Amino acid sequence: MKLQICKNPYIYTMFSDKTRKYRIADSKQEFLDQFGGENKVVEKFLFGEVIFVRENEQIYAFKNKCPHQGAKLNGCWLEEKKVVCPVHQYKFDVENGRGQGLYLENYPLKENEDGYYLLRTYFSWFGE
């Protein structure tokens, strides 16, 4: 059986990953100021809650839901480049979300000249 490659460009635009930018502040420093004396901030978006965890000047963003049993991560902490769930102490890598055989959805953050953004990549069936 010979493998055939689809050459229909519509198929490639029909099913794809999309990345959407969400502006969260004018600058990274402005967003860091929102933490006050805390090391966590929770924000609501149309796609759900995101928890931002700060370690010095570094900020990490995760879905505010542990993939183990769905508990909120509001009481989480960072330990050796891992975010630790407050319920069962499951640990997930801050860079890729992997840990305990599960995946914690994480979001990259990017600063441009026009603001500080959360980037969310998602699968799209029919493009947008």
C-alpha atoms as a PDB file:
ATOM      1  CA  MET A   1       0.000   0.000   0.000  1.00  0.00           C
ATOM      2  CA  LYS A   2       1.411   3.337  -1.038  1.00  0.00           C
ATOM      3  CA  LEU A   3       1.076   6.339   1.295  1.00  0.00           C
ATOM      4  CA  GLN A   4      -0.627   9.234  -0.437  1.00  0.00           C
ATOM      5  CA  ILE A   5      -0.044  12.823   0.607  1.00  0.00           C
ATOM      6  CA  CYS A   6      -3.038  15.096   0.553  1.00  0.00           C
ATOM      7  CA  LYS A   7      -2.396  18.140  -1.632  1.00  0.00           C
ATOM      8  CA  ASN A   8      -5.654  19.918  -0.886  1.00  0.00           C
ATOM      9  CA  PRO A   9      -4.741  23.271   0.767  1.00  0.00           C
ATOM     10  CA  TYR A  10      -8.233  23.513   2.283  1.00  0.00           C
ATOM     11  CA  ILE A  11      -7.557  20.476   4.470  1.00  0.00           C
ATOM     12  CA  TYR A  12      -4.475  22.139   5.970  1.00  0.00           C
ATOM     13  CA  THR A  13      -6.362  25.320   6.883  1.00  0.00           C
ATOM     14  CA  MET A  14      -9.372  23.341   8.092  1.00  0.00           C
ATOM     15  CA  PHE A  15      -7.532  21.525  10.893  1.00  0.00           C
ATOM     16  CA  SER A  16      -4.767  23.405  12.638  1.00  0.00           C
ATOM     17  CA  ASP A  17      -3.368  24.851  15.827  1.00  0.00           C
ATOM     18  CA  LYS A  18      -4.169  28.497  16.436  1.00  0.00           C
ATOM     19  CA  THR A  19      -2.478  30.867  18.868  1.00  0.00           C
ATOM     20  CA  ARG A  20      -4.405  33.751  20.354  1.00  0.00           C
ATOM     21  CA  LYS A  21      -2.814  36.646  22.256  1.00  0.00           C
ATOM     22  CA  TYR A  22      -4.459  38.062  25.394  1.00  0.00           C
ATOM     23  CA  ARG A  23      -3.140  41.429  26.560  1.00  0.00           C
ATOM     24  CA  ILE A  24      -2.669  41.327  30.338  1.00  0.00           C
ATOM     25  CA  ALA A  25      -0.729  44.556  30.982  1.00  0.00           C
ATOM     26  CA  ASP A  26       1.091  47.461  29.349  1.00  0.00           C
ATOM     27  CA  SER A  27       4.445  45.921  30.339  1.00  0.00           C
ATOM     28  CA  LYS A  28       5.942  43.022  32.272  1.00  0.00           C
ATOM     29  CA  GLN A  29       6.900  45.401  35.079  1.00  0.00           C
ATOM     30  CA  GLU A  30       3.305  46.658  35.368  1.00  0.00           C
ATOM     31  CA  PHE A  31       2.113  43.057  35.628  1.00  0.00           C
ATOM     32  CA  LEU A  32       4.779  42.254  38.255  1.00  0.00           C
ATOM     33  CA  ASP A  33       3.454  45.195  40.290  1.00  0.00           C
ATOM     34  CA  GLN A  34       0.007  43.538  40.396  1.00  0.00           C
ATOM     35  CA  PHE A  35       1.440  40.733  42.550  1.00  0.00           C
ATOM     36  CA  GLY A  36       2.040  43.077  45.488  1.00  0.00           C
ATOM     37  CA  GLY A  37       3.521  40.966  48.284  1.00  0.00           C
ATOM     38  CA  GLU A  38       2.034  37.725  46.924  1.00  0.00           C
ATOM     39  CA  ASN A  39       3.650  35.251  44.565  1.00  0.00           C
ATOM     40  CA  LYS A  40       0.371  34.239  42.834  1.00  0.00           C
ATOM     41  CA  VAL A  41      -2.348  36.054  40.887  1.00  0.00           C
ATOM     42  CA  VAL A  42      -5.484  34.449  39.419  1.00  0.00           C
ATOM     43  CA  GLU A  43      -7.156  36.004  36.361  1.00  0.00           C
ATOM     44  CA  LYS A  44     -10.322  34.937  34.534  1.00  0.00           C
ATOM     45  CA  PHE A  45     -10.422  34.654  30.747  1.00  0.00           C
ATOM     46  CA  LEU A  46     -13.155  33.456  28.400  1.00  0.00           C
ATOM     47  CA  PHE A  47     -11.444  30.055  28.211  1.00  0.00           C
ATOM     48  CA  GLY A  48     -11.105  29.683  32.014  1.00  0.00           C
ATOM     49  CA  GLU A  49      -9.026  30.718  35.012  1.00  0.00           C
ATOM     50  CA  VAL A  50      -5.278  31.176  34.761  1.00  0.00           C
ATOM     51  CA  ILE A  51      -2.943  31.244  37.732  1.00  0.00           C
ATOM     52  CA  PHE A  52       0.223  33.305  37.372  1.00  0.00           C
ATOM     53  CA  VAL A  53       3.055  32.248  39.682  1.00  0.00           C
ATOM     54  CA  ARG A  54       6.004  34.534  40.303  1.00  0.00           C
ATOM     55  CA  GLU A  55       9.542  33.538  41.212  1.00  0.00           C
ATOM     56  CA  ASN A  56      11.723  36.656  41.539  1.00  0.00           C
ATOM     57  CA  GLU A  57      11.315  38.416  38.161  1.00  0.00           C
ATOM     58  CA  GLN A  58      10.122  35.270  36.329  1.00  0.00           C
ATOM     59  CA  ILE A  59       6.382  34.696  35.807  1.00  0.00           C
ATOM     60  CA  TYR A  60       4.759  31.389  34.830  1.00  0.00           C
ATOM     61  CA  ALA A  61       1.136  30.943  33.714  1.00  0.00           C
ATOM     62  CA  PHE A  62      -0.946  27.770  34.104  1.00  0.00           C
ATOM     63  CA  LYS A  63      -4.542  26.672  33.815  1.00  0.00           C
ATOM     64  CA  ASN A  64      -5.908  26.974  37.358  1.00  0.00           C
ATOM     65  CA  LYS A  65      -6.886  23.311  37.476  1.00  0.00           C
ATOM     66  CA  CYS A  66      -4.718  20.358  38.471  1.00  0.00           C
ATOM     67  CA  PRO A  67      -4.969  17.586  35.844  1.00  0.00           C
ATOM     68  CA  HIS A  68      -4.896  14.954  38.607  1.00  0.00           C
ATOM     69  CA  GLN A  69      -8.304  15.559  40.223  1.00  0.00           C
ATOM     70  CA  GLY A  70      -9.319  18.994  38.988  1.00  0.00           C
ATOM     71  CA  ALA A  71      -8.472  20.932  42.167  1.00  0.00           C
ATOM     72  CA  LYS A  72      -7.697  24.636  41.870  1.00  0.00           C
ATOM     73  CA  LEU A  73      -4.019  25.532  42.198  1.00  0.00           C
ATOM     74  CA  ASN A  74      -4.593  28.663  44.319  1.00  0.00           C
ATOM     75  CA  GLY A  75      -2.375  27.360  47.142  1.00  0.00           C
ATOM     76  CA  CYS A  76       0.388  26.034  44.874  1.00  0.00           C
ATOM     77  CA  TRP A  77       4.077  26.805  45.260  1.00  0.00           C
ATOM     78  CA  LEU A  78       7.258  26.472  43.207  1.00  0.00           C
ATOM     79  CA  GLU A  79       9.914  23.948  44.121  1.00  0.00           C
ATOM     80  CA  GLU A  80      13.000  23.253  41.974  1.00  0.00           C
ATOM     81  CA  LYS A  81      11.417  24.553  38.727  1.00  0.00           C
ATOM     82  CA  LYS A  82       8.210  22.625  39.386  1.00  0.00           C
ATOM     83  CA  VAL A  83       4.773  23.894  40.375  1.00  0.00           C
ATOM     84  CA  VAL A  84       3.375  21.820  43.246  1.00  0.00           C
ATOM     85  CA  CYS A  85      -0.370  21.153  43.564  1.00  0.00           C
ATOM     86  CA  PRO A  86      -1.544  21.996  47.098  1.00  0.00           C
ATOM     87  CA  VAL A  87      -3.917  19.013  47.337  1.00  0.00           C
ATOM     88  CA  HIS A  88      -1.768  15.926  46.646  1.00  0.00           C
ATOM     89  CA  GLN A  89       1.640  17.572  46.046  1.00  0.00           C
ATOM     90  CA  TYR A  90       1.815  16.455  42.429  1.00  0.00           C
ATOM     91  CA  LYS A  91       4.683  18.301  40.694  1.00  0.00           C
ATOM     92  CA  PHE A  92       4.661  19.715  37.170  1.00  0.00           C
ATOM     93  CA  ASP A  93       7.543  21.246  35.211  1.00  0.00           C
ATOM     94  CA  VAL A  94       7.124  25.034  34.874  1.00  0.00           C
ATOM     95  CA  GLU A  95       8.429  25.042  31.290  1.00  0.00           C
ATOM     96  CA  ASN A  96       6.348  22.273  29.685  1.00  0.00           C
ATOM     97  CA  GLY A  97       3.698  21.243  32.257  1.00  0.00           C
ATOM     98  CA  ARG A  98       4.788  17.592  32.341  1.00  0.00           C
ATOM     99  CA  GLY A  99       4.785  15.627  35.585  1.00  0.00           C
ATOM    100  CA  GLN A 100       3.398  12.566  37.366  1.00  0.00           C
ATOM    101  CA  GLY A 101       2.409  11.111  33.979  1.00  0.00           C
ATOM    102  CA  LEU A 102       0.014  14.033  33.463  1.00  0.00           C
ATOM    103  CA  TYR A 103       0.120  17.428  31.736  1.00  0.00           C
ATOM    104  CA  LEU A 104      -0.658  20.782  33.367  1.00  0.00           C
ATOM    105  CA  GLU A 105      -1.696  23.227  30.660  1.00  0.00           C
ATOM    106  CA  ASN A 106       0.736  26.128  30.661  1.00  0.00           C
ATOM    107  CA  TYR A 107       0.810  29.370  28.695  1.00  0.00           C
ATOM    108  CA  PRO A 108       3.839  31.288  27.432  1.00  0.00           C
ATOM    109  CA  LEU A 109       4.072  34.992  28.253  1.00  0.00           C
ATOM    110  CA  LYS A 110       5.568  37.524  25.861  1.00  0.00           C
ATOM    111  CA  GLU A 111       6.381  41.204  26.089  1.00  0.00           C
ATOM    112  CA  ASN A 112       6.113  43.341  22.943  1.00  0.00           C
ATOM    113  CA  GLU A 113       6.460  47.071  22.485  1.00  0.00           C
ATOM    114  CA  ASP A 114       2.660  47.374  22.750  1.00  0.00           C
ATOM    115  CA  GLY A 115       2.117  45.267  25.894  1.00  0.00           C
ATOM    116  CA  TYR A 116       2.555  42.068  27.890  1.00  0.00           C
ATOM    117  CA  TYR A 117       0.641  39.051  26.543  1.00  0.00           C
ATOM    118  CA  LEU A 118      -0.481  35.576  27.467  1.00  0.00           C
ATOM    119  CA  LEU A 119      -0.324  33.248  24.439  1.00  0.00           C
ATOM    120  CA  ARG A 120      -2.830  30.419  24.241  1.00  0.00           C
ATOM    121  CA  THR A 121      -2.490  27.753  21.547  1.00  0.00           C
ATOM    122  CA  TYR A 122      -5.520  25.603  20.817  1.00  0.00           C
ATOM    123  CA  PHE A 123      -6.700  23.176  18.167  1.00  0.00           C
ATOM    124  CA  SER A 124      -9.171  24.540  15.620  1.00  0.00           C
ATOM    125  CA  TRP A 125     -11.355  22.309  13.459  1.00  0.00           C
ATOM    126  CA  PHE A 126     -12.330  24.850  10.813  1.00  0.00           C
ATOM    127  CA  GLY A 127      -9.998  27.805  11.207  1.00  0.00           C
ATOM    128  CA  GLU A 128     -11.059  31.260  12.213  1.00  0.00           C
END
